[in-house]
PDB file of N, CA and C in Angstrom:
ATOM      1  N   UNK A   1     123.331 218.761 210.798  1.00  0.00           N
ATOM      2  CA  UNK A   1     123.729 217.604 210.013  1.00  0.00           C
ATOM      3  C   UNK A   1     122.715 217.306 208.610  1.00  0.00           C
ATOM      4  N   UNK A   2     123.388 217.139 207.737  1.00  0.00           N
ATOM      5  CA  UNK A   2     122.502 216.869 206.551  1.00  0.00           C
ATOM      6  C   UNK A   2     121.642 215.698 206.689  1.00  0.00           C
ATOM      7  N   UNK A   3     120.567 215.864 205.977  1.00  0.00           N
ATOM      8  CA  UNK A   3     119.508 214.531 206.401  1.00  0.00           C
ATOM      9  C   UNK A   3     118.542 214.906 205.580  1.00  0.00           C
ATOM     10  N   UNK A   4     118.015 213.642 205.051  1.00  0.00           N
ATOM     11  CA  UNK A   4     116.810 213.459 203.972  1.00  0.00           C
ATOM     12  C   UNK A   4     115.843 212.366 205.065  1.00  0.00           C
ATOM     13  N   UNK A   5     114.497 213.004 204.839  1.00  0.00           N
ATOM     14  CA  UNK A   5     113.949 211.854 205.403  1.00  0.00           C
ATOM     15  C   UNK A   5     112.482 211.794 204.910  1.00  0.00           C
ATOM     16  N   UNK A   6     112.312 210.248 204.407  1.00  0.00           N
ATOM     17  CA  UNK A   6     111.113 210.163 203.633  1.00  0.00           C
ATOM     18  C   UNK A   6     110.017 209.583 204.708  1.00  0.00           C
ATOM     19  N   UNK A   7     108.837 209.986 204.085  1.00  0.00           N
ATOM     20  CA  UNK A   7     107.540 209.778 204.926  1.00  0.00           C
ATOM     21  C   UNK A   7     106.327 209.577 204.132  1.00  0.00           C
ATOM     22  N   UNK A   8     105.182 208.831 204.501  1.00  0.00           N
ATOM     23  CA  UNK A   8     104.104 208.662 203.658  1.00  0.00           C
ATOM     24  C   UNK A   8     103.898 207.161 203.175  1.00  0.00           C
ATOM     25  N   UNK A   9     104.825 206.374 203.414  1.00  0.00           N
ATOM     26  CA  UNK A   9     104.551 205.126 203.158  1.00  0.00           C
ATOM     27  C   UNK A   9     103.332 204.273 203.969  1.00  0.00           C
ATOM     28  N   UNK A  10     103.138 203.009 203.459  1.00  0.00           N
ATOM     29  CA  UNK A  10     101.945 202.378 204.247  1.00  0.00           C
ATOM     30  C   UNK A  10     101.567 201.203 203.346  1.00  0.00           C
ATOM     31  N   UNK A  11     100.475 200.404 203.633  1.00  0.00           N
ATOM     32  CA  UNK A  11      99.677 199.542 203.025  1.00  0.00           C
ATOM     33  C   UNK A  11      98.576 199.860 202.461  1.00  0.00           C
ATOM     34  N   UNK A  12      98.355 199.866 200.972  1.00  0.00           N
ATOM     35  CA  UNK A  12      97.297 200.407 200.323  1.00  0.00           C
ATOM     36  C   UNK A  12      96.972 199.375 199.475  1.00  0.00           C
ATOM     37  N   UNK A  13      95.779 199.258 198.953  1.00  0.00           N
ATOM     38  CA  UNK A  13      95.115 198.415 197.974  1.00  0.00           C
ATOM     39  C   UNK A  13      95.394 198.704 196.718  1.00  0.00           C
ATOM     40  N   UNK A  14      95.343 197.684 195.918  1.00  0.00           N
ATOM     41  CA  UNK A  14      95.821 198.047 194.472  1.00  0.00           C
ATOM     42  C   UNK A  14      94.784 198.859 193.800  1.00  0.00           C
ATOM     43  N   UNK A  15      95.174 199.981 193.007  1.00  0.00           N
ATOM     44  CA  UNK A  15      94.147 200.876 192.423  1.00  0.00           C
ATOM     45  C   UNK A  15      94.365 202.251 193.549  1.00  0.00           C
ATOM     46  N   UNK A  16      95.003 201.876 194.822  1.00  0.00           N
ATOM     47  CA  UNK A  16      95.012 203.307 195.474  1.00  0.00           C
ATOM     48  C   UNK A  16      95.934 204.194 195.314  1.00  0.00           C
ATOM     49  N   UNK A  17      96.071 205.166 196.051  1.00  0.00           N
ATOM     50  CA  UNK A  17      97.206 206.224 195.914  1.00  0.00           C
ATOM     51  C   UNK A  17      98.002 206.623 197.197  1.00  0.00           C
ATOM     52  N   UNK A  18      98.871 207.018 197.105  1.00  0.00           N
ATOM     53  CA  UNK A  18     100.158 207.477 198.086  1.00  0.00           C
ATOM     54  C   UNK A  18     100.603 208.620 197.755  1.00  0.00           C
ATOM     55  N   UNK A  19     100.855 209.692 199.027  1.00  0.00           N
ATOM     56  CA  UNK A  19     102.190 210.605 198.397  1.00  0.00           C
ATOM     57  C   UNK A  19     103.361 210.411 199.429  1.00  0.00           C
ATOM     58  N   UNK A  20     104.350 210.349 199.198  1.00  0.00           N
ATOM     59  CA  UNK A  20     105.413 210.157 199.779  1.00  0.00           C
ATOM     60  C   UNK A  20     106.058 211.425 199.823  1.00  0.00           C
ATOM     61  N   UNK A  21     106.665 211.773 201.143  1.00  0.00           N
ATOM     62  CA  UNK A  21     107.521 213.014 201.417  1.00  0.00           C
ATOM     63  C   UNK A  21     108.840 212.956 201.365  1.00  0.00           C
ATOM     64  N   UNK A  22     109.852 213.914 200.843  1.00  0.00           N
ATOM     65  CA  UNK A  22     111.073 213.685 201.402  1.00  0.00           C
ATOM     66  C   UNK A  22     111.345 215.123 201.883  1.00  0.00           C
ATOM     67  N   UNK A  23     111.702 215.112 203.068  1.00  0.00           N
ATOM     68  CA  UNK A  23     112.026 216.513 203.923  1.00  0.00           C
ATOM     69  C   UNK A  23     113.496 216.598 204.225  1.00  0.00           C
ATOM     70  N   UNK A  24     114.097 217.812 203.651  1.00  0.00           N
ATOM     71  CA  UNK A  24     115.284 217.790 203.992  1.00  0.00           C
ATOM     72  C   UNK A  24     115.418 218.438 205.448  1.00  0.00           C
ATOM     73  N   UNK A  25     116.946 218.522 205.869  1.00  0.00           N
ATOM     74  CA  UNK A  25     117.073 219.253 207.408  1.00  0.00           C
ATOM     75  C   UNK A  25     118.450 219.270 207.164  1.00  0.00           C
ATOM     76  N   UNK A  26     118.931 220.489 207.495  1.00  0.00           N
ATOM     77  CA  UNK A  26     120.485 220.972 207.716  1.00  0.00           C
ATOM     78  C   UNK A  26     121.116 221.272 206.175  1.00  0.00           C
ATOM     79  N   UNK A  27     120.117 221.135 205.337  1.00  0.00           N
ATOM     80  CA  UNK A  27     120.372 222.274 204.005  1.00  0.00           C
ATOM     81  C   UNK A  27     118.938 222.472 203.673  1.00  0.00           C
ATOM     82  N   UNK A  28     119.232 223.455 202.356  1.00  0.00           N
ATOM     83  CA  UNK A  28     118.121 224.003 201.477  1.00  0.00           C
ATOM     84  C   UNK A  28     118.354 223.032 200.064  1.00  0.00           C
ATOM     85  N   UNK A  29     116.900 222.788 199.865  1.00  0.00           N
ATOM     86  CA  UNK A  29     117.015 221.629 198.671  1.00  0.00           C
ATOM     87  C   UNK A  29     117.002 222.618 197.311  1.00  0.00           C
ATOM     88  N   UNK A  30     117.067 224.105 197.371  1.00  0.00           N
ATOM     89  CA  UNK A  30     116.887 224.869 196.208  1.00  0.00           C
ATOM     90  C   UNK A  30     117.682 224.693 195.052  1.00  0.00           C
ATOM     91  N   UNK A  31     118.925 224.149 195.289  1.00  0.00           N
ATOM     92  CA  UNK A  31     119.789 223.832 194.320  1.00  0.00           C
ATOM     93  C   UNK A  31     120.123 222.576 193.834  1.00  0.00           C
ATOM     94  N   UNK A  32     119.479 221.526 194.619  1.00  0.00           N
ATOM     95  CA  UNK A  32     119.751 220.090 194.313  1.00  0.00           C
ATOM     96  C   UNK A  32     118.890 219.541 193.456  1.00  0.00           C
ATOM     97  N   UNK A  33     119.322 218.702 192.521  1.00  0.00           N
ATOM     98  CA  UNK A  33     118.438 217.542 191.840  1.00  0.00           C
ATOM     99  C   UNK A  33     117.928 216.454 192.864  1.00  0.00           C
ATOM    100  N   UNK A  34     116.841 216.231 193.096  1.00  0.00           N
ATOM    101  CA  UNK A  34     116.268 214.937 193.832  1.00  0.00           C
ATOM    102  C   UNK A  34     115.986 213.808 193.087  1.00  0.00           C
ATOM    103  N   UNK A  35     116.303 212.644 193.421  1.00  0.00           N
ATOM    104  CA  UNK A  35     115.732 211.464 192.874  1.00  0.00           C
ATOM    105  C   UNK A  35     114.831 210.534 193.766  1.00  0.00           C
ATOM    106  N   UNK A  36     113.942 209.747 193.270  1.00  0.00           N
ATOM    107  CA  UNK A  36     113.029 208.854 194.060  1.00  0.00           C
ATOM    108  C   UNK A  36     113.656 207.668 193.511  1.00  0.00           C
ATOM    109  N   UNK A  37     113.775 206.611 194.454  1.00  0.00           N
ATOM    110  CA  UNK A  37     114.131 205.240 194.188  1.00  0.00           C
ATOM    111  C   UNK A  37     113.245 204.320 194.907  1.00  0.00           C
ATOM    112  N   UNK A  38     113.359 203.133 194.583  1.00  0.00           N
ATOM    113  CA  UNK A  38     112.750 202.104 195.276  1.00  0.00           C
ATOM    114  C   UNK A  38     113.559 200.639 195.188  1.00  0.00           C
ATOM    115  N   UNK A  39     113.370 199.726 195.923  1.00  0.00           N
ATOM    116  CA  UNK A  39     114.136 198.588 196.035  1.00  0.00           C
ATOM    117  C   UNK A  39     113.102 197.638 196.546  1.00  0.00           C
ATOM    118  N   UNK A  40     112.843 196.655 195.765  1.00  0.00           N
ATOM    119  CA  UNK A  40     112.094 195.468 196.288  1.00  0.00           C
ATOM    120  C   UNK A  40     112.975 194.270 196.619  1.00  0.00           C
ATOM    121  N   UNK A  41     112.560 193.384 197.587  1.00  0.00           N
ATOM    122  CA  UNK A  41     113.265 192.429 198.084  1.00  0.00           C
ATOM    123  C   UNK A  41     113.722 191.452 196.865  1.00  0.00           C
ATOM    124  N   UNK A  42     115.349 191.366 196.968  1.00  0.00           N
ATOM    125  CA  UNK A  42     115.858 190.477 196.108  1.00  0.00           C
ATOM    126  C   UNK A  42     116.146 191.326 194.508  1.00  0.00           C
ATOM    127  N   UNK A  43     115.897 192.659 194.472  1.00  0.00           N
ATOM    128  CA  UNK A  43     115.898 193.354 193.289  1.00  0.00           C
ATOM    129  C   UNK A  43     116.894 194.329 193.499  1.00  0.00           C
ATOM    130  N   UNK A  44     117.586 194.889 192.311  1.00  0.00           N
ATOM    131  CA  UNK A  44     118.140 196.062 192.524  1.00  0.00           C
ATOM    132  C   UNK A  44     117.509 197.209 192.793  1.00  0.00           C
ATOM    133  N   UNK A  45     118.212 198.392 193.360  1.00  0.00           N
ATOM    134  CA  UNK A  45     117.589 199.596 193.327  1.00  0.00           C
ATOM    135  C   UNK A  45     117.188 200.130 192.074  1.00  0.00           C
ATOM    136  N   UNK A  46     116.158 200.575 191.871  1.00  0.00           N
ATOM    137  CA  UNK A  46     115.691 201.327 190.731  1.00  0.00           C
ATOM    138  C   UNK A  46     115.534 203.000 190.830  1.00  0.00           C
ATOM    139  N   UNK A  47     115.723 203.429 189.814  1.00  0.00           N
ATOM    140  CA  UNK A  47     115.529 204.702 190.145  1.00  0.00           C
ATOM    141  C   UNK A  47     114.291 205.250 189.304  1.00  0.00           C
ATOM    142  N   UNK A  48     113.586 205.799 189.716  1.00  0.00           N
ATOM    143  CA  UNK A  48     111.986 206.029 189.309  1.00  0.00           C
ATOM    144  C   UNK A  48     111.880 207.631 188.418  1.00  0.00           C
ATOM    145  N   UNK A  49     112.505 208.622 189.431  1.00  0.00           N
ATOM    146  CA  UNK A  49     111.983 209.915 188.948  1.00  0.00           C
ATOM    147  C   UNK A  49     113.056 210.736 189.442  1.00  0.00           C
ATOM    148  N   UNK A  50     113.319 212.177 188.799  1.00  0.00           N
ATOM    149  CA  UNK A  50     113.974 213.010 189.320  1.00  0.00           C
ATOM    150  C   UNK A  50     113.719 214.425 189.093  1.00  0.00           C
ATOM    151  N   UNK A  51     113.765 215.286 189.983  1.00  0.00           N
ATOM    152  CA  UNK A  51     113.368 216.845 189.869  1.00  0.00           C
ATOM    153  C   UNK A  51     114.516 217.463 189.930  1.00  0.00           C
ATOM    154  N   UNK A  52     114.754 218.502 188.721  1.00  0.00           N
ATOM    155  CA  UNK A  52     115.750 219.239 188.992  1.00  0.00           C
ATOM    156  C   UNK A  52     115.334 220.642 189.899  1.00  0.00           C
ATOM    157  N   UNK A  53     116.371 221.301 190.032  1.00  0.00           N
ATOM    158  CA  UNK A  53     116.448 222.552 191.170  1.00  0.00           C
ATOM    159  C   UNK A  53     115.171 223.461 190.434  1.00  0.00           C
ATOM    160  N   UNK A  54     114.979 223.542 188.936  1.00  0.00           N
ATOM    161  CA  UNK A  54     114.117 224.377 188.220  1.00  0.00           C
ATOM    162  C   UNK A  54     112.728 223.843 188.435  1.00  0.00           C
ATOM    163  N   UNK A  55     112.477 222.626 188.750  1.00  0.00           N
ATOM    164  CA  UNK A  55     111.101 222.006 188.934  1.00  0.00           C
ATOM    165  C   UNK A  55     110.949 221.067 187.866  1.00  0.00           C
ATOM    166  N   UNK A  56     111.730 221.098 186.695  1.00  0.00           N
ATOM    167  CA  UNK A  56     111.331 220.112 185.633  1.00  0.00           C
ATOM    168  C   UNK A  56     112.014 218.887 186.153  1.00  0.00           C
ATOM    169  N   UNK A  57     111.216 217.748 185.591  1.00  0.00           N
ATOM    170  CA  UNK A  57     111.531 216.527 186.106  1.00  0.00           C
ATOM    171  C   UNK A  57     111.822 215.565 185.029  1.00  0.00           C
ATOM    172  N   UNK A  58     112.245 214.332 185.156  1.00  0.00           N
ATOM    173  CA  UNK A  58     112.796 213.155 184.221  1.00  0.00           C
ATOM    174  C   UNK A  58     112.195 212.263 184.788  1.00  0.00           C
ATOM    175  N   UNK A  59     111.377 211.198 184.338  1.00  0.00           N
ATOM    176  CA  UNK A  59     110.883 209.937 184.616  1.00  0.00           C
ATOM    177  C   UNK A  59     111.594 209.105 183.986  1.00  0.00           C
ATOM    178  N   UNK A  60     112.283 207.691 184.525  1.00  0.00           N
ATOM    179  CA  UNK A  60     113.306 207.063 184.268  1.00  0.00           C
ATOM    180  C   UNK A  60     112.550 205.605 184.159  1.00  0.00           C
ATOM    181  N   UNK A  61     111.415 205.481 184.743  1.00  0.00           N
ATOM    182  CA  UNK A  61     110.911 204.128 185.105  1.00  0.00           C
ATOM    183  C   UNK A  61     109.555 204.108 184.201  1.00  0.00           C
ATOM    184  N   UNK A  62     109.652 203.388 182.955  1.00  0.00           N
ATOM    185  CA  UNK A  62     108.428 203.109 182.216  1.00  0.00           C
ATOM    186  C   UNK A  62     107.554 202.622 182.775  1.00  0.00           C
ATOM    187  N   UNK A  63     107.307 201.991 183.946  1.00  0.00           N
ATOM    188  CA  UNK A  63     106.654 200.962 184.818  1.00  0.00           C
ATOM    189  C   UNK A  63     105.507 201.989 185.763  1.00  0.00           C
ATOM    190  N   UNK A  64     106.242 203.096 185.749  1.00  0.00           N
ATOM    191  CA  UNK A  64     105.346 204.256 186.648  1.00  0.00           C
ATOM    192  C   UNK A  64     104.813 205.449 185.737  1.00  0.00           C
ATOM    193  N   UNK A  65     105.061 205.293 184.477  1.00  0.00           N
ATOM    194  CA  UNK A  65     104.817 206.514 183.667  1.00  0.00           C
ATOM    195  C   UNK A  65     103.322 206.655 183.725  1.00  0.00           C
ATOM    196  N   UNK A  66     102.755 207.890 183.916  1.00  0.00           N
ATOM    197  CA  UNK A  66     101.322 208.027 183.848  1.00  0.00           C
ATOM    198  C   UNK A  66     100.740 207.727 185.031  1.00  0.00           C
ATOM    199  N   UNK A  67     101.316 207.295 186.185  1.00  0.00           N
ATOM    200  CA  UNK A  67     100.900 206.981 187.408  1.00  0.00           C
ATOM    201  C   UNK A  67     101.473 207.611 188.558  1.00  0.00           C
ATOM    202  N   UNK A  68     102.684 208.039 188.337  1.00  0.00           N
ATOM    203  CA  UNK A  68     103.646 208.446 189.484  1.00  0.00           C
ATOM    204  C   UNK A  68     104.074 209.915 189.025  1.00  0.00           C
ATOM    205  N   UNK A  69     103.861 210.902 189.886  1.00  0.00           N
ATOM    206  CA  UNK A  69     104.589 212.310 189.753  1.00  0.00           C
ATOM    207  C   UNK A  69     105.285 212.823 190.598  1.00  0.00           C
ATOM    208  N   UNK A  70     106.518 213.343 190.337  1.00  0.00           N
ATOM    209  CA  UNK A  70     107.441 213.925 191.136  1.00  0.00           C
ATOM    210  C   UNK A  70     107.219 215.450 191.393  1.00  0.00           C
ATOM    211  N   UNK A  71     107.302 216.142 192.300  1.00  0.00           N
ATOM    212  CA  UNK A  71     107.139 217.445 192.324  1.00  0.00           C
ATOM    213  C   UNK A  71     108.208 218.056 193.704  1.00  0.00           C
ATOM    214  N   UNK A  72     107.994 219.471 193.776  1.00  0.00           N
ATOM    215  CA  UNK A  72     108.852 219.802 194.915  1.00  0.00           C
ATOM    216  C   UNK A  72     108.334 221.133 195.366  1.00  0.00           C
ATOM    217  N   UNK A  73     108.559 221.245 196.781  1.00  0.00           N
ATOM    218  CA  UNK A  73     108.152 222.651 197.153  1.00  0.00           C
ATOM    219  C   UNK A  73     109.140 223.288 197.948  1.00  0.00           C
ATOM    220  N   UNK A  74     110.034 224.107 197.298  1.00  0.00           N
ATOM    221  CA  UNK A  74     110.905 224.389 197.934  1.00  0.00           C
ATOM    222  C   UNK A  74     110.797 225.477 199.514  1.00  0.00           C
ATOM    223  N   UNK A  75     109.665 226.130 199.353  1.00  0.00           N
ATOM    224  CA  UNK A  75     109.839 226.765 200.421  1.00  0.00           C
ATOM    225  C   UNK A  75     109.233 225.989 201.636  1.00  0.00           C
ATOM    226  N   UNK A  76     108.940 224.518 201.470  1.00  0.00           N
ATOM    227  CA  UNK A  76     108.753 223.431 202.547  1.00  0.00           C
ATOM    228  C   UNK A  76     110.155 222.709 202.610  1.00  0.00           C
ATOM    229  N   UNK A  77     111.005 222.971 201.647  1.00  0.00           N
ATOM    230  CA  UNK A  77     112.195 222.120 201.592  1.00  0.00           C
ATOM    231  C   UNK A  77     112.120 220.474 201.648  1.00  0.00           C
ATOM    232  N   UNK A  78     110.927 220.341 200.624  1.00  0.00           N
ATOM    233  CA  UNK A  78     110.228 219.037 200.528  1.00  0.00           C
ATOM    234  C   UNK A  78     110.043 218.703 199.060  1.00  0.00           C
ATOM    235  N   UNK A  79     110.331 217.115 198.617  1.00  0.00           N
ATOM    236  CA  UNK A  79     110.117 216.745 197.373  1.00  0.00           C
ATOM    237  C   UNK A  79     109.186 215.658 197.499  1.00  0.00           C
ATOM    238  N   UNK A  80     108.084 215.537 196.693  1.00  0.00           N
ATOM    239  CA  UNK A  80     106.832 214.652 197.001  1.00  0.00           C
ATOM    240  C   UNK A  80     107.156 213.523 195.430  1.00  0.00           C
ATOM    241  N   UNK A  81     106.434 212.477 196.101  1.00  0.00           N
ATOM    242  CA  UNK A  81     106.317 211.551 194.955  1.00  0.00           C
ATOM    243  C   UNK A  81     104.617 211.054 195.033  1.00  0.00           C
ATOM    244  N   UNK A  82     103.810 211.506 194.211  1.00  0.00           N
ATOM    245  CA  UNK A  82     102.425 210.831 194.037  1.00  0.00           C
ATOM    246  C   UNK A  82     102.309 209.760 193.539  1.00  0.00           C
ATOM    247  N   UNK A  83     101.711 208.897 194.016  1.00  0.00           N
ATOM    248  CA  UNK A  83     101.685 207.615 193.090  1.00  0.00           C
ATOM    249  C   UNK A  83     100.347 207.095 192.918  1.00  0.00           C
ATOM    250  N   UNK A  84      99.588 207.109 191.816  1.00  0.00           N
ATOM    251  CA  UNK A  84      98.371 206.537 191.667  1.00  0.00           C
ATOM    252  C   UNK A  84      98.203 205.265 191.074  1.00  0.00           C
ATOM    253  N   UNK A  85      97.023 204.925 191.202  1.00  0.00           N
ATOM    254  CA  UNK A  85      97.026 203.330 190.407  1.00  0.00           C
ATOM    255  C   UNK A  85      97.779 202.356 191.026  1.00  0.00           C
ATOM    256  N   UNK A  86      98.106 202.286 192.057  1.00  0.00           N
ATOM    257  CA  UNK A  86      99.239 201.403 192.636  1.00  0.00           C
ATOM    258  C   UNK A  86      98.916 199.927 192.224  1.00  0.00           C
ATOM    259  N   UNK A  87      99.774 199.191 191.844  1.00  0.00           N
ATOM    260  CA  UNK A  87      99.814 197.885 191.324  1.00  0.00           C
ATOM    261  C   UNK A  87     100.652 197.020 192.759  1.00  0.00           C
ATOM    262  N   UNK A  88     100.343 195.834 192.851  1.00  0.00           N
ATOM    263  CA  UNK A  88     101.083 194.652 193.725  1.00  0.00           C
ATOM    264  C   UNK A  88     102.761 194.681 193.462  1.00  0.00           C
ATOM    265  N   UNK A  89     103.123 194.911 192.139  1.00  0.00           N
ATOM    266  CA  UNK A  89     104.594 195.057 191.920  1.00  0.00           C
ATOM    267  C   UNK A  89     105.178 196.560 192.159  1.00  0.00           C
ATOM    268  N   UNK A  90     104.358 197.309 192.428  1.00  0.00           N
ATOM    269  CA  UNK A  90     104.939 198.714 193.415  1.00  0.00           C
ATOM    270  C   UNK A  90     105.472 198.521 194.694  1.00  0.00           C
ATOM    271  N   UNK A  91     105.142 197.479 195.319  1.00  0.00           N
ATOM    272  CA  UNK A  91     105.744 197.140 196.712  1.00  0.00           C
ATOM    273  C   UNK A  91     107.028 197.180 196.713  1.00  0.00           C
ATOM    274  N   UNK A  92     107.721 197.888 197.732  1.00  0.00           N
ATOM    275  CA  UNK A  92     109.321 198.068 197.573  1.00  0.00           C
ATOM    276  C   UNK A  92     109.296 199.108 198.794  1.00  0.00           C
ATOM    277  N   UNK A  93     110.462 199.503 199.112  1.00  0.00           N
ATOM    278  CA  UNK A  93     111.178 200.333 200.084  1.00  0.00           C
ATOM    279  C   UNK A  93     111.394 201.574 199.034  1.00  0.00           C
ATOM    280  N   UNK A  94     110.773 202.734 199.549  1.00  0.00           N
ATOM    281  CA  UNK A  94     111.275 203.874 198.542  1.00  0.00           C
ATOM    282  C   UNK A  94     112.244 204.952 199.078  1.00  0.00           C
ATOM    283  N   UNK A  95     112.917 205.238 198.457  1.00  0.00           N
ATOM    284  CA  UNK A  95     114.024 206.066 199.170  1.00  0.00           C
ATOM    285  C   UNK A  95     113.910 207.602 198.240  1.00  0.00           C
ATOM    286  N   UNK A  96     114.744 208.598 198.922  1.00  0.00           N
ATOM    287  CA  UNK A  96     114.906 209.576 197.991  1.00  0.00           C
ATOM    288  C   UNK A  96     116.182 210.019 198.267  1.00  0.00           C
ATOM    289  N   UNK A  97     117.058 210.678 197.476  1.00  0.00           N
ATOM    290  CA  UNK A  97     118.391 211.190 197.607  1.00  0.00           C
ATOM    291  C   UNK A  97     118.805 212.566 196.686  1.00  0.00           C
ATOM    292  N   UNK A  98     119.774 213.060 197.149  1.00  0.00           N
ATOM    293  CA  UNK A  98     120.395 214.482 196.477  1.00  0.00           C
ATOM    294  C   UNK A  98     121.319 214.040 195.898  1.00  0.00           C
ATOM    295  N   UNK A  99     121.526 214.563 194.627  1.00  0.00           N
ATOM    296  CA  UNK A  99     122.638 214.707 193.729  1.00  0.00           C
ATOM    297  C   UNK A  99     123.610 215.820 194.538  1.00  0.00           C
ATOM    298  N   UNK A 100     125.044 216.224 194.155  1.00  0.00           N
ATOM    299  CA  UNK A 100     125.665 217.191 194.602  1.00  0.00           C
ATOM    300  C   UNK A 100     125.165 218.442 194.258  1.00  0.00           C
ATOM    301  N   UNK A 101     125.385 219.524 195.046  1.00  0.00           N
ATOM    302  CA  UNK A 101     124.781 220.741 194.828  1.00  0.00           C
ATOM    303  C   UNK A 101     125.246 221.175 193.141  1.00  0.00           C
ATOM    304  N   UNK A 102     124.286 221.721 192.553  1.00  0.00           N
ATOM    305  CA  UNK A 102     124.041 222.418 191.150  1.00  0.00           C
ATOM    306  C   UNK A 102     124.022 221.305 189.995  1.00  0.00           C
ATOM    307  N   UNK A 103     124.294 219.788 190.590  1.00  0.00           N
ATOM    308  CA  UNK A 103     124.591 219.050 189.627  1.00  0.00           C
ATOM    309  C   UNK A 103     123.094 218.888 189.045  1.00  0.00           C
ATOM    310  N   UNK A 104     122.978 218.159 187.679  1.00  0.00           N
ATOM    311  CA  UNK A 104     121.717 217.978 187.131  1.00  0.00           C
ATOM    312  C   UNK A 104     121.323 216.385 187.709  1.00  0.00           C
ATOM    313  N   UNK A 105     120.061 215.793 187.085  1.00  0.00           N
ATOM    314  CA  UNK A 105     119.696 214.760 187.277  1.00  0.00           C
ATOM    315  C   UNK A 105     120.594 213.697 186.744  1.00  0.00           C
ATOM    316  N   UNK A 106     120.524 212.398 187.270  1.00  0.00           N
ATOM    317  CA  UNK A 106     121.136 211.346 186.584  1.00  0.00           C
ATOM    318  C   UNK A 106     120.059 209.927 186.665  1.00  0.00           C
ATOM    319  N   UNK A 107     120.129 209.138 185.897  1.00  0.00           N
ATOM    320  CA  UNK A 107     119.366 207.757 186.099  1.00  0.00           C
ATOM    321  C   UNK A 107     120.079 206.882 186.593  1.00  0.00           C
ATOM    322  N   UNK A 108     121.163 207.020 187.486  1.00  0.00           N
ATOM    323  CA  UNK A 108     122.304 206.036 188.191  1.00  0.00           C
ATOM    324  C   UNK A 108     122.168 206.212 189.689  1.00  0.00           C
ATOM    325  N   UNK A 109     121.875 205.378 190.410  1.00  0.00           N
ATOM    326  CA  UNK A 109     121.755 205.811 191.796  1.00  0.00           C
ATOM    327  C   UNK A 109     123.333 206.051 192.218  1.00  0.00           C
ATOM    328  N   UNK A 110     124.368 205.693 191.738  1.00  0.00           N
ATOM    329  CA  UNK A 110     125.459 205.868 192.237  1.00  0.00           C
ATOM    330  C   UNK A 110     125.892 207.352 192.156  1.00  0.00           C
ATOM    331  N   UNK A 111     125.179 208.158 191.411  1.00  0.00           N
ATOM    332  CA  UNK A 111     125.535 209.391 191.447  1.00  0.00           C
ATOM    333  C   UNK A 111     124.846 210.278 192.336  1.00  0.00           C
ATOM    334  N   UNK A 112     124.272 209.712 193.331  1.00  0.00           N
ATOM    335  CA  UNK A 112     123.282 210.434 194.269  1.00  0.00           C
ATOM    336  C   UNK A 112     124.228 210.199 195.701  1.00  0.00           C
ATOM    337  N   UNK A 113     124.426 211.225 196.418  1.00  0.00           N
ATOM    338  CA  UNK A 113     125.310 211.028 197.434  1.00  0.00           C
ATOM    339  C   UNK A 113     124.358 211.064 198.975  1.00  0.00           C
ATOM    340  N   UNK A 114     123.312 211.968 199.236  1.00  0.00           N
ATOM    341  CA  UNK A 114     122.710 211.926 200.513  1.00  0.00           C
ATOM    342  C   UNK A 114     121.366 211.291 200.360  1.00  0.00           C
ATOM    343  N   UNK A 115     121.321 209.992 200.990  1.00  0.00           N
ATOM    344  CA  UNK A 115     120.302 209.094 201.072  1.00  0.00           C
ATOM    345  C   UNK A 115     119.372 209.233 202.294  1.00  0.00           C
ATOM    346  N   UNK A 116     117.984 209.190 202.132  1.00  0.00           N
ATOM    347  CA  UNK A 116     117.055 208.857 203.305  1.00  0.00           C
ATOM    348  C   UNK A 116     117.064 207.380 203.733  1.00  0.00           C
ATOM    349  N   UNK A 117     116.326 207.321 204.775  1.00  0.00           N
ATOM    350  CA  UNK A 117     116.390 205.839 205.429  1.00  0.00           C
ATOM    351  C   UNK A 117     115.300 204.849 204.590  1.00  0.00           C
ATOM    352  N   UNK A 118     114.522 205.425 203.823  1.00  0.00           N
ATOM    353  CA  UNK A 118     113.658 205.048 203.216  1.00  0.00           C
ATOM    354  C   UNK A 118     112.060 204.618 203.692  1.00  0.00           C
ATOM    355  N   UNK A 119     111.129 204.263 202.997  1.00  0.00           N
ATOM    356  CA  UNK A 119     109.886 204.275 203.541  1.00  0.00           C
ATOM    357  C   UNK A 119     109.231 203.142 202.925  1.00  0.00           C
ATOM    358  N   UNK A 120     108.583 202.041 203.722  1.00  0.00           N
ATOM    359  CA  UNK A 120     107.924 200.816 203.126  1.00  0.00           C
ATOM    360  C   UNK A 120     106.514 201.215 202.382  1.00  0.00           C
ATOM    361  N   UNK A 121     106.343 200.703 201.102  1.00  0.00           N
ATOM    362  CA  UNK A 121     105.212 200.942 200.398  1.00  0.00           C
ATOM    363  C   UNK A 121     104.856 199.293 200.188  1.00  0.00           C
ATOM    364  N   UNK A 122     103.824 198.962 200.494  1.00  0.00           N
ATOM    365  CA  UNK A 122     103.281 197.663 200.284  1.00  0.00           C
ATOM    366  C   UNK A 122     101.676 197.833 199.732  1.00  0.00           C
ATOM    367  N   UNK A 123     101.669 197.107 198.445  1.00  0.00           N
ATOM    368  CA  UNK A 123     100.231 197.174 197.666  1.00  0.00           C
ATOM    369  C   UNK A 123      99.703 195.665 197.628  1.00  0.00           C
ATOM    370  N   UNK A 124      98.670 195.368 198.490  1.00  0.00           N
ATOM    371  CA  UNK A 124      97.929 194.091 198.712  1.00  0.00           C
ATOM    372  C   UNK A 124      96.701 194.375 199.059  1.00  0.00           C
ATOM    373  N   UNK A 125      95.791 193.243 198.499  1.00  0.00           N
ATOM    374  CA  UNK A 125      94.646 193.366 199.030  1.00  0.00           C
ATOM    375  C   UNK A 125      94.306 192.459 200.289  1.00  0.00           C
TER     376      UNK A 125
END
C-alpha cells in the first residue's frame, strides 16, 4: 500500500524550531518530487516547497523563505521540512504529497497524487 506519513508536529513557542518528517511506505521516493503544504483554518491549502528527485528544491511561499528548508534522505525514504524562527501565522496542518513518478515539482496542490494525513503545527506562547 502506497502511503506517506507525516510526523514531527506539535506545539512550539514563537521563535522556536520543528523538523517535520514525511516517510514513505509501499514505494521508494527516489524518483518522485515531494511537496510540503499547509492549511490553516478557513484558508486554502498552500504549497510551501518541493524537492525534486535530484535533491534540488523550489520554494513557493515567500512567507517562509529563509526560515524553512526542505531536504530528503532517499536511504531513509524520507523527506524533511526544517522550520526555524516559527511565527504564530505558521500555525496550520502540514501535509506532504508526491507527484507522479518522474514528474517535476509543481506549485499547484492539484498536481500531487498521494497525500499524507497531515500533522498539526501550533505556534503559540
